[in-house]
Full PDB file with SEQRES, HELIX, SHEET, SSBOND, CRYST1, ORIGX, SCALE, CONECT and MASTER records, all heavy atoms in Angstrom:
SEQRES   1 A   33  ASP LYS VAL ILE GLU GLN VAL ILE GLN ILE ASP HIS LEU          
SEQRES   2 A   33  GLN LEU ASN VAL ASP SER ARG VAL PHE LEU TYR ASN ASN          
SEQRES   3 A   33  GLU GLU VAL ASP LEU THR LYS                                  
HELIX    1 AA1 ILE A    4  GLN A    6  5                                   3    
SHEET    1 AA1 4 VAL A   7  ILE A  10  0                                        
SHEET    2 AA1 4 LEU A  13  ASN A  16 -1                                        
SHEET    3 AA1 4 VAL A  21  TYR A  24 -1                                        
SHEET    4 AA1 4 GLU A  27  GLU A  28 -1                                        
CRYST1    1.000    1.000    1.000  90.00  90.00  90.00 P 1           1          
ORIGX1      1.000000  0.000000  0.000000        0.00000                         
ORIGX2      0.000000  1.000000  0.000000        0.00000                         
ORIGX3      0.000000  0.000000  1.000000        0.00000                         
SCALE1      1.000000  0.000000  0.000000        0.00000                         
SCALE2      0.000000  1.000000  0.000000        0.00000                         
SCALE3      0.000000  0.000000  1.000000        0.00000                         
ATOM      1  N   ASP A   1     108.906 130.248 132.841  1.00  0.00           N  
ATOM      2  CA  ASP A   1     107.867 130.154 131.813  1.00  0.00           C  
ATOM      3  C   ASP A   1     108.067 128.932 130.945  1.00  0.00           C  
ATOM      4  O   ASP A   1     107.124 128.239 130.582  1.00  0.00           O  
ATOM      5  CB  ASP A   1     107.874 131.401 130.921  1.00  0.00           C  
ATOM      6  CG  ASP A   1     107.306 132.609 131.643  1.00  0.00           C  
ATOM      7  OD1 ASP A   1     106.606 132.406 132.646  1.00  0.00           O  
ATOM      8  OD2 ASP A   1     107.565 133.726 131.207  1.00  0.00           O  
ATOM      9  N   LYS A   2     109.316 128.632 130.594  1.00  0.00           N  
ATOM     10  CA  LYS A   2     109.586 127.475 129.742  1.00  0.00           C  
ATOM     11  C   LYS A   2     109.186 126.183 130.425  1.00  0.00           C  
ATOM     12  O   LYS A   2     108.706 125.262 129.792  1.00  0.00           O  
ATOM     13  CB  LYS A   2     111.074 127.439 129.362  1.00  0.00           C  
ATOM     14  CG  LYS A   2     111.467 128.525 128.371  1.00  0.00           C  
ATOM     15  CD  LYS A   2     112.929 128.452 128.015  1.00  0.00           C  
ATOM     16  CE  LYS A   2     113.308 129.545 127.024  1.00  0.00           C  
ATOM     17  NZ  LYS A   2     114.738 129.534 126.685  1.00  0.00           N  
ATOM     18  N   VAL A   3     109.403 126.156 131.743  1.00  0.00           N  
ATOM     19  CA  VAL A   3     109.000 124.955 132.466  1.00  0.00           C  
ATOM     20  C   VAL A   3     107.489 124.787 132.406  1.00  0.00           C  
ATOM     21  O   VAL A   3     106.969 123.698 132.207  1.00  0.00           O  
ATOM     22  CB  VAL A   3     109.476 125.026 133.939  1.00  0.00           C  
ATOM     23  CG1 VAL A   3     108.887 123.889 134.746  1.00  0.00           C  
ATOM     24  CG2 VAL A   3     110.988 124.991 134.013  1.00  0.00           C  
ATOM     25  N   ILE A   4     106.757 125.896 132.549  1.00  0.00           N  
ATOM     26  CA  ILE A   4     105.304 125.832 132.513  1.00  0.00           C  
ATOM     27  C   ILE A   4     104.818 125.376 131.145  1.00  0.00           C  
ATOM     28  O   ILE A   4     103.833 124.663 131.025  1.00  0.00           O  
ATOM     29  CB  ILE A   4     104.715 127.223 132.865  1.00  0.00           C  
ATOM     30  CG1 ILE A   4     105.025 127.575 134.320  1.00  0.00           C  
ATOM     31  CG2 ILE A   4     103.214 127.260 132.608  1.00  0.00           C  
ATOM     32  CD1 ILE A   4     104.643 128.969 134.703  1.00  0.00           C  
ATOM     33  N   GLU A   5     105.521 125.769 130.090  1.00  0.00           N  
ATOM     34  CA  GLU A   5     105.052 125.535 128.740  1.00  0.00           C  
ATOM     35  C   GLU A   5     105.539 124.216 128.141  1.00  0.00           C  
ATOM     36  O   GLU A   5     105.615 124.077 126.935  1.00  0.00           O  
ATOM     37  CB  GLU A   5     105.485 126.702 127.848  1.00  0.00           C  
ATOM     38  CG  GLU A   5     104.818 128.015 128.210  1.00  0.00           C  
ATOM     39  CD  GLU A   5     105.455 129.195 127.528  1.00  0.00           C  
ATOM     40  OE1 GLU A   5     106.452 128.999 126.814  1.00  0.00           O  
ATOM     41  OE2 GLU A   5     104.970 130.314 127.734  1.00  0.00           O  
ATOM     42  N   GLN A   6     105.852 123.249 128.962  1.00  0.00           N  
ATOM     43  CA  GLN A   6     106.377 122.000 128.449  1.00  0.00           C  
ATOM     44  C   GLN A   6     105.303 121.080 127.871  1.00  0.00           C  
ATOM     45  O   GLN A   6     105.610 120.059 127.302  1.00  0.00           O  
ATOM     46  CB  GLN A   6     107.156 121.260 129.533  1.00  0.00           C  
ATOM     47  CG  GLN A   6     108.493 121.922 129.859  1.00  0.00           C  
ATOM     48  CD  GLN A   6     109.351 122.122 128.639  1.00  0.00           C  
ATOM     49  OE1 GLN A   6     109.800 121.171 128.018  1.00  0.00           O  
ATOM     50  NE2 GLN A   6     109.590 123.365 128.261  1.00  0.00           N  
ATOM     51  N   VAL A   7     104.042 121.429 128.040  1.00  0.00           N  
ATOM     52  CA  VAL A   7     102.966 120.664 127.404  1.00  0.00           C  
ATOM     53  C   VAL A   7     102.555 121.410 126.138  1.00  0.00           C  
ATOM     54  O   VAL A   7     102.113 122.548 126.190  1.00  0.00           O  
ATOM     55  CB  VAL A   7     101.752 120.499 128.334  1.00  0.00           C  
ATOM     56  CG1 VAL A   7     100.617 119.808 127.598  1.00  0.00           C  
ATOM     57  CG2 VAL A   7     102.143 119.708 129.569  1.00  0.00           C  
ATOM     58  N   ILE A   8     102.709 120.753 124.977  1.00  0.00           N  
ATOM     59  CA  ILE A   8     102.416 121.388 123.692  1.00  0.00           C  
ATOM     60  C   ILE A   8     101.201 120.704 123.083  1.00  0.00           C  
ATOM     61  O   ILE A   8     101.207 119.497 122.861  1.00  0.00           O  
ATOM     62  CB  ILE A   8     103.617 121.280 122.734  1.00  0.00           C  
ATOM     63  CG1 ILE A   8     104.891 121.833 123.405  1.00  0.00           C  
ATOM     64  CG2 ILE A   8     103.327 122.026 121.437  1.00  0.00           C  
ATOM     65  CD1 ILE A   8     106.144 121.590 122.601  1.00  0.00           C  
ATOM     66  N   GLN A   9     100.157 121.493 122.834  1.00  0.00           N  
ATOM     67  CA  GLN A   9      98.903 120.962 122.294  1.00  0.00           C  
ATOM     68  C   GLN A   9      98.730 121.417 120.849  1.00  0.00           C  
ATOM     69  O   GLN A   9      98.804 122.608 120.548  1.00  0.00           O  
ATOM     70  CB  GLN A   9      97.720 121.464 123.127  1.00  0.00           C  
ATOM     71  CG  GLN A   9      96.377 120.922 122.680  1.00  0.00           C  
ATOM     72  CD  GLN A   9      96.060 119.576 123.312  1.00  0.00           C  
ATOM     73  OE1 GLN A   9      96.419 119.332 124.456  1.00  0.00           O  
ATOM     74  NE2 GLN A   9      95.389 118.720 122.571  1.00  0.00           N  
ATOM     75  N   ILE A  10      98.513 120.470 119.933  1.00  0.00           N  
ATOM     76  CA  ILE A  10      98.225 120.780 118.538  1.00  0.00           C  
ATOM     77  C   ILE A  10      97.043 119.911 118.122  1.00  0.00           C  
ATOM     78  O   ILE A  10      97.156 118.682 118.074  1.00  0.00           O  
ATOM     79  CB  ILE A  10      99.437 120.516 117.623  1.00  0.00           C  
ATOM     80  CG1 ILE A  10     100.625 121.406 118.026  1.00  0.00           C  
ATOM     81  CG2 ILE A  10      99.065 120.760 116.162  1.00  0.00           C  
ATOM     82  CD1 ILE A  10     101.881 121.155 117.229  1.00  0.00           C  
ATOM     83  N   ASP A  11      95.926 120.568 117.818  1.00  0.00           N  
ATOM     84  CA  ASP A  11      94.707 119.835 117.491  1.00  0.00           C  
ATOM     85  C   ASP A  11      94.404 118.828 118.611  1.00  0.00           C  
ATOM     86  O   ASP A  11      94.360 119.188 119.772  1.00  0.00           O  
ATOM     87  CB  ASP A  11      94.828 119.143 116.130  1.00  0.00           C  
ATOM     88  CG  ASP A  11      95.057 120.152 115.002  1.00  0.00           C  
ATOM     89  OD1 ASP A  11      94.548 121.272 115.117  1.00  0.00           O  
ATOM     90  OD2 ASP A  11      95.741 119.810 114.034  1.00  0.00           O  
ATOM     91  N   HIS A  12      94.255 117.547 118.266  1.00  0.00           N  
ATOM     92  CA  HIS A  12      93.961 116.515 119.258  1.00  0.00           C  
ATOM     93  C   HIS A  12      95.224 115.826 119.773  1.00  0.00           C  
ATOM     94  O   HIS A  12      95.140 114.798 120.441  1.00  0.00           O  
ATOM     95  CB  HIS A  12      93.015 115.460 118.675  1.00  0.00           C  
ATOM     96  CG  HIS A  12      91.671 115.993 118.313  1.00  0.00           C  
ATOM     97  ND1 HIS A  12      91.098 117.070 118.963  1.00  0.00           N  
ATOM     98  CD2 HIS A  12      90.770 115.609 117.375  1.00  0.00           C  
ATOM     99  CE1 HIS A  12      89.917 117.319 118.442  1.00  0.00           C  
ATOM    100  NE2 HIS A  12      89.692 116.460 117.467  1.00  0.00           N  
ATOM    101  N   LEU A  13      96.371 116.403 119.450  1.00  0.00           N  
ATOM    102  CA  LEU A  13      97.643 115.814 119.871  1.00  0.00           C  
ATOM    103  C   LEU A  13      98.241 116.624 121.006  1.00  0.00           C  
ATOM    104  O   LEU A  13      98.199 117.850 121.006  1.00  0.00           O  
ATOM    105  CB  LEU A  13      98.624 115.768 118.702  1.00  0.00           C  
ATOM    106  CG  LEU A  13      98.155 115.072 117.423  1.00  0.00           C  
ATOM    107  CD1 LEU A  13      99.241 115.150 116.356  1.00  0.00           C  
ATOM    108  CD2 LEU A  13      97.798 113.622 117.703  1.00  0.00           C  
ATOM    109  N   GLN A  14      98.829 115.927 121.974  1.00  0.00           N  
ATOM    110  CA  GLN A  14      99.454 116.610 123.108  1.00  0.00           C  
ATOM    111  C   GLN A  14     100.794 115.953 123.422  1.00  0.00           C  
ATOM    112  O   GLN A  14     100.876 114.741 123.617  1.00  0.00           O  
ATOM    113  CB  GLN A  14      98.552 116.542 124.339  1.00  0.00           C  
ATOM    114  CG  GLN A  14      99.102 117.317 125.532  1.00  0.00           C  
ATOM    115  CD  GLN A  14      98.237 117.135 126.762  1.00  0.00           C  
ATOM    116  OE1 GLN A  14      98.528 116.319 127.626  1.00  0.00           O  
ATOM    117  NE2 GLN A  14      97.148 117.888 126.837  1.00  0.00           N  
ATOM    118  N   LEU A  15     101.830 116.767 123.447  1.00  0.00           N  
ATOM    119  CA  LEU A  15     103.169 116.265 123.758  1.00  0.00           C  
ATOM    120  C   LEU A  15     103.637 116.864 125.071  1.00  0.00           C  
ATOM    121  O   LEU A  15     103.655 118.084 125.228  1.00  0.00           O  
ATOM    122  CB  LEU A  15     104.144 116.610 122.628  1.00  0.00           C  
ATOM    123  CG  LEU A  15     105.571 116.072 122.792  1.00  0.00           C  
ATOM    124  CD1 LEU A  15     106.093 115.521 121.463  1.00  0.00           C  
ATOM    125  CD2 LEU A  15     106.514 117.165 123.274  1.00  0.00           C  
ATOM    126  N   ASN A  16     103.972 116.003 126.042  1.00  0.00           N  
ATOM    127  CA  ASN A  16     104.466 116.445 127.339  1.00  0.00           C  
ATOM    128  C   ASN A  16     105.959 116.181 127.396  1.00  0.00           C  
ATOM    129  O   ASN A  16     106.401 115.033 127.485  1.00  0.00           O  
ATOM    130  CB  ASN A  16     103.749 115.696 128.469  1.00  0.00           C  
ATOM    131  CG  ASN A  16     104.023 116.326 129.814  1.00  0.00           C  
ATOM    132  OD1 ASN A  16     105.174 116.544 130.173  1.00  0.00           O  
ATOM    133  ND2 ASN A  16     102.980 116.619 130.563  1.00  0.00           N  
ATOM    134  N   VAL A  17     106.732 117.257 127.314  1.00  0.00           N  
ATOM    135  CA  VAL A  17     108.183 117.132 127.224  1.00  0.00           C  
ATOM    136  C   VAL A  17     108.776 116.566 128.507  1.00  0.00           C  
ATOM    137  O   VAL A  17     109.694 115.748 128.474  1.00  0.00           O  
ATOM    138  CB  VAL A  17     108.817 118.501 126.889  1.00  0.00           C  
ATOM    139  CG1 VAL A  17     110.342 118.400 126.868  1.00  0.00           C  
ATOM    140  CG2 VAL A  17     108.303 119.008 125.550  1.00  0.00           C  
ATOM    141  N   ASP A  18     108.260 117.001 129.663  1.00  0.00           N  
ATOM    142  CA  ASP A  18     108.844 116.585 130.937  1.00  0.00           C  
ATOM    143  C   ASP A  18     108.674 115.092 131.192  1.00  0.00           C  
ATOM    144  O   ASP A  18     109.629 114.392 131.515  1.00  0.00           O  
ATOM    145  CB  ASP A  18     108.219 117.375 132.099  1.00  0.00           C  
ATOM    146  CG  ASP A  18     108.594 118.839 132.035  1.00  0.00           C  
ATOM    147  OD1 ASP A  18     109.717 119.135 131.599  1.00  0.00           O  
ATOM    148  OD2 ASP A  18     107.764 119.688 132.398  1.00  0.00           O  
ATOM    149  N   SER A  19     107.453 114.601 131.039  1.00  0.00           N  
ATOM    150  CA  SER A  19     107.189 113.184 131.325  1.00  0.00           C  
ATOM    151  C   SER A  19     107.406 112.302 130.102  1.00  0.00           C  
ATOM    152  O   SER A  19     107.301 111.079 130.193  1.00  0.00           O  
ATOM    153  CB  SER A  19     105.752 113.008 131.830  1.00  0.00           C  
ATOM    154  OG  SER A  19     104.821 113.426 130.840  1.00  0.00           O  
ATOM    155  N   ARG A  20     107.701 112.937 128.946  1.00  0.00           N  
ATOM    156  CA  ARG A  20     107.947 112.219 127.694  1.00  0.00           C  
ATOM    157  C   ARG A  20     106.754 111.326 127.341  1.00  0.00           C  
ATOM    158  O   ARG A  20     106.909 110.166 126.967  1.00  0.00           O  
ATOM    159  CB  ARG A  20     109.249 111.420 127.763  1.00  0.00           C  
ATOM    160  CG  ARG A  20     110.446 112.249 128.175  1.00  0.00           C  
ATOM    161  CD  ARG A  20     111.760 111.554 127.968  1.00  0.00           C  
ATOM    162  NE  ARG A  20     112.171 111.564 126.580  1.00  0.00           N  
ATOM    163  CZ  ARG A  20     112.677 112.631 125.951  1.00  0.00           C  
ATOM    164  NH1 ARG A  20     112.805 113.773 126.582  1.00  0.00           N  
ATOM    165  NH2 ARG A  20     113.046 112.551 124.696  1.00  0.00           N  
ATOM    166  N   VAL A  21     105.568 111.926 127.459  1.00  0.00           N  
ATOM    167  CA  VAL A  21     104.327 111.225 127.144  1.00  0.00           C  
ATOM    168  C   VAL A  21     103.664 111.925 125.959  1.00  0.00           C  
ATOM    169  O   VAL A  21     103.620 113.156 125.887  1.00  0.00           O  
ATOM    170  CB  VAL A  21     103.365 111.219 128.353  1.00  0.00           C  
ATOM    171  CG1 VAL A  21     101.987 110.734 127.952  1.00  0.00           C  
ATOM    172  CG2 VAL A  21     103.932 110.345 129.464  1.00  0.00           C  
ATOM    173  N   PHE A  22     103.137 111.133 125.031  1.00  0.00           N  
ATOM    174  CA  PHE A  22     102.438 111.671 123.872  1.00  0.00           C  
ATOM    175  C   PHE A  22     101.006 111.146 123.881  1.00  0.00           C  
ATOM    176  O   PHE A  22     100.780 109.940 124.030  1.00  0.00           O  
ATOM    177  CB  PHE A  22     103.148 111.257 122.579  1.00  0.00           C  
ATOM    178  CG  PHE A  22     102.572 111.899 121.348  1.00  0.00           C  
ATOM    179  CD1 PHE A  22     102.928 113.191 120.997  1.00  0.00           C  
ATOM    180  CD2 PHE A  22     101.669 111.223 120.546  1.00  0.00           C  
ATOM    181  CE1 PHE A  22     102.401 113.800 119.869  1.00  0.00           C  
ATOM    182  CE2 PHE A  22     101.130 111.821 119.417  1.00  0.00           C  
ATOM    183  CZ  PHE A  22     101.508 113.114 119.077  1.00  0.00           C  
ATOM    184  N   LEU A  23     100.035 112.063 123.730  1.00  0.00           N  
ATOM    185  CA  LEU A  23      98.623 111.692 123.798  1.00  0.00           C  
ATOM    186  C   LEU A  23      97.912 112.012 122.493  1.00  0.00           C  
ATOM    187  O   LEU A  23      98.159 113.065 121.882  1.00  0.00           O  
ATOM    188  CB  LEU A  23      97.919 112.441 124.937  1.00  0.00           C  
ATOM    189  CG  LEU A  23      98.489 112.280 126.351  1.00  0.00           C  
ATOM    190  CD1 LEU A  23      97.717 113.160 127.324  1.00  0.00           C  
ATOM    191  CD2 LEU A  23      98.440 110.834 126.794  1.00  0.00           C  
ATOM    192  N   TYR A  24      97.022 111.110 122.073  1.00  0.00           N  
ATOM    193  CA  TYR A  24      96.125 111.354 120.946  1.00  0.00           C  
ATOM    194  C   TYR A  24      94.701 111.231 121.480  1.00  0.00           C  
ATOM    195  O   TYR A  24      94.308 110.178 121.972  1.00  0.00           O  
ATOM    196  CB  TYR A  24      96.367 110.341 119.826  1.00  0.00           C  
ATOM    197  CG  TYR A  24      95.556 110.615 118.579  1.00  0.00           C  
ATOM    198  CD1 TYR A  24      96.104 111.279 117.501  1.00  0.00           C  
ATOM    199  CD2 TYR A  24      94.219 110.215 118.496  1.00  0.00           C  
ATOM    200  CE1 TYR A  24      95.356 111.531 116.358  1.00  0.00           C  
ATOM    201  CE2 TYR A  24      93.465 110.469 117.362  1.00  0.00           C  
ATOM    202  CZ  TYR A  24      94.038 111.128 116.293  1.00  0.00           C  
ATOM    203  OH  TYR A  24      93.281 111.393 115.168  1.00  0.00           O  
ATOM    204  N   ASN A  25      93.946 112.332 121.405  1.00  0.00           N  
ATOM    205  CA  ASN A  25      92.595 112.351 121.998  1.00  0.00           C  
ATOM    206  C   ASN A  25      92.627 111.879 123.447  1.00  0.00           C  
ATOM    207  O   ASN A  25      91.799 111.077 123.885  1.00  0.00           O  
ATOM    208  CB  ASN A  25      91.626 111.486 121.189  1.00  0.00           C  
ATOM    209  CG  ASN A  25      91.142 112.185 119.930  1.00  0.00           C  
ATOM    210  OD1 ASN A  25      91.121 113.413 119.865  1.00  0.00           O  
ATOM    211  ND2 ASN A  25      90.767 111.413 118.931  1.00  0.00           N  
ATOM    212  N   ASN A  26      93.628 112.357 124.183  1.00  0.00           N  
ATOM    213  CA  ASN A  26      93.805 112.070 125.609  1.00  0.00           C  
ATOM    214  C   ASN A  26      94.174 110.614 125.905  1.00  0.00           C  
ATOM    215  O   ASN A  26      94.158 110.195 127.066  1.00  0.00           O  
ATOM    216  CB  ASN A  26      92.556 112.442 126.412  1.00  0.00           C  
ATOM    217  CG  ASN A  26      92.294 113.937 126.393  1.00  0.00           C  
ATOM    218  OD1 ASN A  26      93.231 114.730 126.495  1.00  0.00           O  
ATOM    219  ND2 ASN A  26      91.046 114.324 126.262  1.00  0.00           N  
ATOM    220  N   GLU A  27      94.504 109.859 124.882  1.00  0.00           N  
ATOM    221  CA  GLU A  27      94.964 108.487 125.090  1.00  0.00           C  
ATOM    222  C   GLU A  27      96.450 108.397 124.742  1.00  0.00           C  
ATOM    223  O   GLU A  27      96.886 108.899 123.705  1.00  0.00           O  
ATOM    224  CB  GLU A  27      94.165 107.514 124.224  1.00  0.00           C  
ATOM    225  CG  GLU A  27      92.709 107.390 124.635  1.00  0.00           C  
ATOM    226  CD  GLU A  27      91.984 106.290 123.871  1.00  0.00           C  
ATOM    227  OE1 GLU A  27      92.655 105.543 123.123  1.00  0.00           O  
ATOM    228  OE2 GLU A  27      90.748 106.178 124.024  1.00  0.00           O  
ATOM    229  N   GLU A  28      97.204 107.746 125.613  1.00  0.00           N  
ATOM    230  CA  GLU A  28      98.654 107.674 125.427  1.00  0.00           C  
ATOM    231  C   GLU A  28      99.015 106.816 124.218  1.00  0.00           C  
ATOM    232  O   GLU A  28      98.469 105.740 124.008  1.00  0.00           O  
ATOM    233  CB  GLU A  28      99.325 107.117 126.684  1.00  0.00           C  
ATOM    234  CG  GLU A  28     100.845 107.147 126.620  1.00  0.00           C  
ATOM    235  CD  GLU A  28     101.491 106.786 127.939  1.00  0.00           C  
ATOM    236  OE1 GLU A  28     100.780 106.803 128.969  1.00  0.00           O  
ATOM    237  OE2 GLU A  28     102.699 106.485 127.939  1.00  0.00           O  
ATOM    238  N   VAL A  29      99.958 107.327 123.425  1.00  0.00           N  
ATOM    239  CA  VAL A  29     100.468 106.616 122.254  1.00  0.00           C  
ATOM    240  C   VAL A  29     101.840 106.047 122.606  1.00  0.00           C  
ATOM    241  O   VAL A  29     102.711 106.758 123.108  1.00  0.00           O  
ATOM    242  CB  VAL A  29     100.585 107.559 121.041  1.00  0.00           C  
ATOM    243  CG1 VAL A  29     101.180 106.818 119.838  1.00  0.00           C  
ATOM    244  CG2 VAL A  29      99.228 108.150 120.694  1.00  0.00           C  
ATOM    245  N   ASP A  30     102.011 104.776 122.331  1.00  0.00           N  
ATOM    246  CA  ASP A  30     103.282 104.107 122.636  1.00  0.00           C  
ATOM    247  C   ASP A  30     104.322 104.499 121.598  1.00  0.00           C  
ATOM    248  O   ASP A  30     104.158 104.235 120.404  1.00  0.00           O  
ATOM    249  CB  ASP A  30     103.081 102.588 122.647  1.00  0.00           C  
ATOM    250  CG  ASP A  30     104.333 101.860 123.108  1.00  0.00           C  
ATOM    251  OD1 ASP A  30     105.123 102.459 123.858  1.00  0.00           O  
ATOM    252  OD2 ASP A  30     104.535 100.704 122.699  1.00  0.00           O  
ATOM    253  N   LEU A  31     105.395 105.161 122.037  1.00  0.00           N  
ATOM    254  CA  LEU A  31     106.448 105.617 121.140  1.00  0.00           C  
ATOM    255  C   LEU A  31     107.803 105.110 121.598  1.00  0.00           C  
ATOM    256  O   LEU A  31     108.061 105.004 122.801  1.00  0.00           O  
ATOM    257  CB  LEU A  31     106.499 107.150 121.095  1.00  0.00           C  
ATOM    258  CG  LEU A  31     105.279 107.899 120.562  1.00  0.00           C  
ATOM    259  CD1 LEU A  31     105.453 109.390 120.785  1.00  0.00           C  
ATOM    260  CD2 LEU A  31     105.061 107.604 119.088  1.00  0.00           C  
ATOM    261  N   THR A  32     108.670 104.818 120.623  1.00  0.00           N  
ATOM    262  CA  THR A  32     110.056 104.508 120.964  1.00  0.00           C  
ATOM    263  C   THR A  32     110.774 105.815 121.287  1.00  0.00           C  
ATOM    264  O   THR A  32     110.244 106.918 121.052  1.00  0.00           O  
ATOM    265  CB  THR A  32     110.774 103.819 119.790  1.00  0.00           C  
ATOM    266  OG1 THR A  32     110.881 104.755 118.709  1.00  0.00           O  
ATOM    267  CG2 THR A  32     110.020 102.579 119.334  1.00  0.00           C  
ATOM    268  N   LYS A  33     111.991 105.714 121.794  1.00  0.00           N  
ATOM    269  CA  LYS A  33     112.770 106.907 122.129  1.00  0.00           C  
ATOM    270  C   LYS A  33     112.945 107.804 120.906  1.00  0.00           C  
ATOM    271  O   LYS A  33     112.732 109.018 120.970  1.00  0.00           O  
ATOM    272  CB  LYS A  33     114.139 106.505 122.681  1.00  0.00           C  
ATOM    273  CG  LYS A  33     115.065 107.687 122.934  1.00  0.00           C  
ATOM    274  CD  LYS A  33     116.456 107.217 123.326  1.00  0.00           C  
ATOM    275  CE  LYS A  33     117.423 108.393 123.428  1.00  0.00           C  
ATOM    276  NZ  LYS A  33     118.809 107.945 123.735  1.00  0.00           N  
TER     277      LYS A  33                                                      
MASTER        0    0    0    1    4    0    0    6  276    1    0    3          
END                                                                             
């Protein structure tokens, strides 16, 4: 279940823990480590 739930959605923000990608309105935001 934890593996399935690695994508966390809050409002228009989405954090993908596995791929370490962060999206704002479905557009990737460039983040440092």
